[in-house]
Protein backbone atom coordinates (compact mmCIF):
# COMPACT_ATOMS: atom_id res chain seq x y z
CA UNK A 1 -13.99 -2.46 -8.39
CA UNK A 2 -13.76 -0.08 -11.22
CA UNK A 3 -10.75 0.82 -12.64
CA UNK A 4 -9.82 4.40 -13.96
CA UNK A 5 -6.46 4.13 -15.52
CA UNK A 6 -2.70 3.27 -14.56
CA UNK A 7 -1.90 3.22 -10.86
CA UNK A 8 1.20 3.80 -9.04
CA UNK A 9 2.09 2.18 -5.77
CA UNK A 10 4.87 3.94 -3.60
CA UNK A 11 6.03 3.25 -0.18
CA UNK A 12 7.51 5.73 2.36
CA UNK A 13 8.59 5.23 5.93
CA UNK A 14 6.26 7.35 8.35
CA UNK A 15 8.32 10.39 9.57
CA UNK A 16 6.48 10.19 12.93
CA UNK A 17 6.27 6.47 13.70
CA UNK A 18 3.39 6.84 16.36
CA UNK A 19 1.06 8.24 13.45
CA UNK A 20 -0.06 4.59 12.61
CA UNK A 21 -2.65 4.92 15.18
CA UNK A 22 -4.41 7.58 12.96
CA UNK A 23 -5.39 4.94 10.68
CA UNK A 24 -8.47 2.43 11.29
CA UNK A 25 -7.47 -1.02 12.48
CA UNK A 26 -8.48 -2.48 9.07
CA UNK A 27 -6.15 -0.06 7.25
CA UNK A 28 -2.92 -0.38 9.50
CA UNK A 29 -1.62 -3.91 9.22
CA UNK A 30 1.65 -6.01 9.69
CA UNK A 31 3.62 -7.21 6.93
CA UNK A 32 2.89 -10.74 7.61
CA UNK A 33 -0.93 -10.30 7.54
CA UNK A 34 -0.84 -8.90 3.82
CA UNK A 35 -1.98 -11.23 0.95
CA UNK A 36 0.90 -12.64 -0.96
CA UNK A 37 0.27 -10.33 -3.95
CA UNK A 38 0.14 -7.34 -1.40
CA UNK A 39 3.55 -8.59 -0.05
CA UNK A 40 5.07 -8.70 -3.37
CA UNK A 41 3.92 -5.20 -4.66
CA UNK A 42 4.91 -3.63 -1.21
CA UNK A 43 8.56 -5.24 -1.47
CA UNK A 44 8.68 -3.80 -4.97
CA UNK A 45 7.55 -0.32 -4.00
CA UNK A 46 10.29 -0.39 -1.34
CA UNK A 47 12.87 -0.23 -3.98
CA UNK A 48 10.83 1.78 -6.41
CA UNK A 49 7.45 3.16 -7.46
CA UNK A 50 5.40 0.12 -8.82
CA UNK A 51 3.14 1.00 -11.89
CA UNK A 52 -0.09 -1.35 -12.50
CA UNK A 53 -1.79 -1.09 -15.79
CA UNK A 54 -5.43 -0.72 -16.09
CA UNK A 55 -5.53 -4.28 -17.03
CA UNK A 56 -3.44 -5.57 -14.35
CA UNK A 57 -4.54 -6.56 -10.70
CA UNK A 58 -3.40 -4.19 -8.19
CA UNK A 59 -3.77 -5.36 -4.68
CA UNK A 60 -3.67 -1.88 -3.41
CA UNK A 61 -6.55 -0.63 -5.46
CA UNK A 62 -6.86 3.18 -5.37
CA UNK A 63 -10.65 3.47 -4.85
CA UNK A 64 -10.81 0.78 -2.24
CA UNK A 65 -11.47 2.42 1.31
CA UNK A 66 -10.36 -0.65 3.11
CA UNK A 67 -6.90 -1.06 1.54
CA UNK A 68 -3.94 -0.99 3.81
CA UNK A 69 -2.66 2.53 4.19
CA UNK A 70 0.08 1.86 6.71
CA UNK A 71 2.09 -1.24 6.81
CA UNK A 72 4.70 -2.40 9.75
CA UNK A 73 7.82 -4.10 8.08
CA UNK A 74 10.72 -4.86 10.10
CA UNK A 75 9.84 -2.61 12.79
CA UNK A 76 9.00 0.29 10.83
CA UNK A 77 5.63 1.78 9.69
CA UNK A 78 5.15 2.64 6.07
CA UNK A 79 2.72 4.74 4.31
CA UNK A 80 1.30 2.89 1.17
CA UNK A 81 0.33 5.71 -1.38
CA UNK A 82 -1.46 4.92 -4.52
CA UNK A 83 -1.71 7.58 -7.30
CA UNK A 84 -3.91 7.14 -10.40
CA UNK A 85 -3.46 8.81 -13.82
């Protein structure tokens, strides 16, 4: 996939927990079904925004339309936001 620049991954709980149904099945996943690299970035992003440089591998690539958008972790749905600069 083409990389545009530094990507930032942040995670925030959904205010309305039933909104997880708004995403397609392939974009709404349980934490245990993420890859190991996605799990690591997700956990880091729970504490703070994660910065991924243009030469680094980001498991939540900005322009990947099939990447997980919402993740259920310990009973809560979280939105995974990816921004790019």
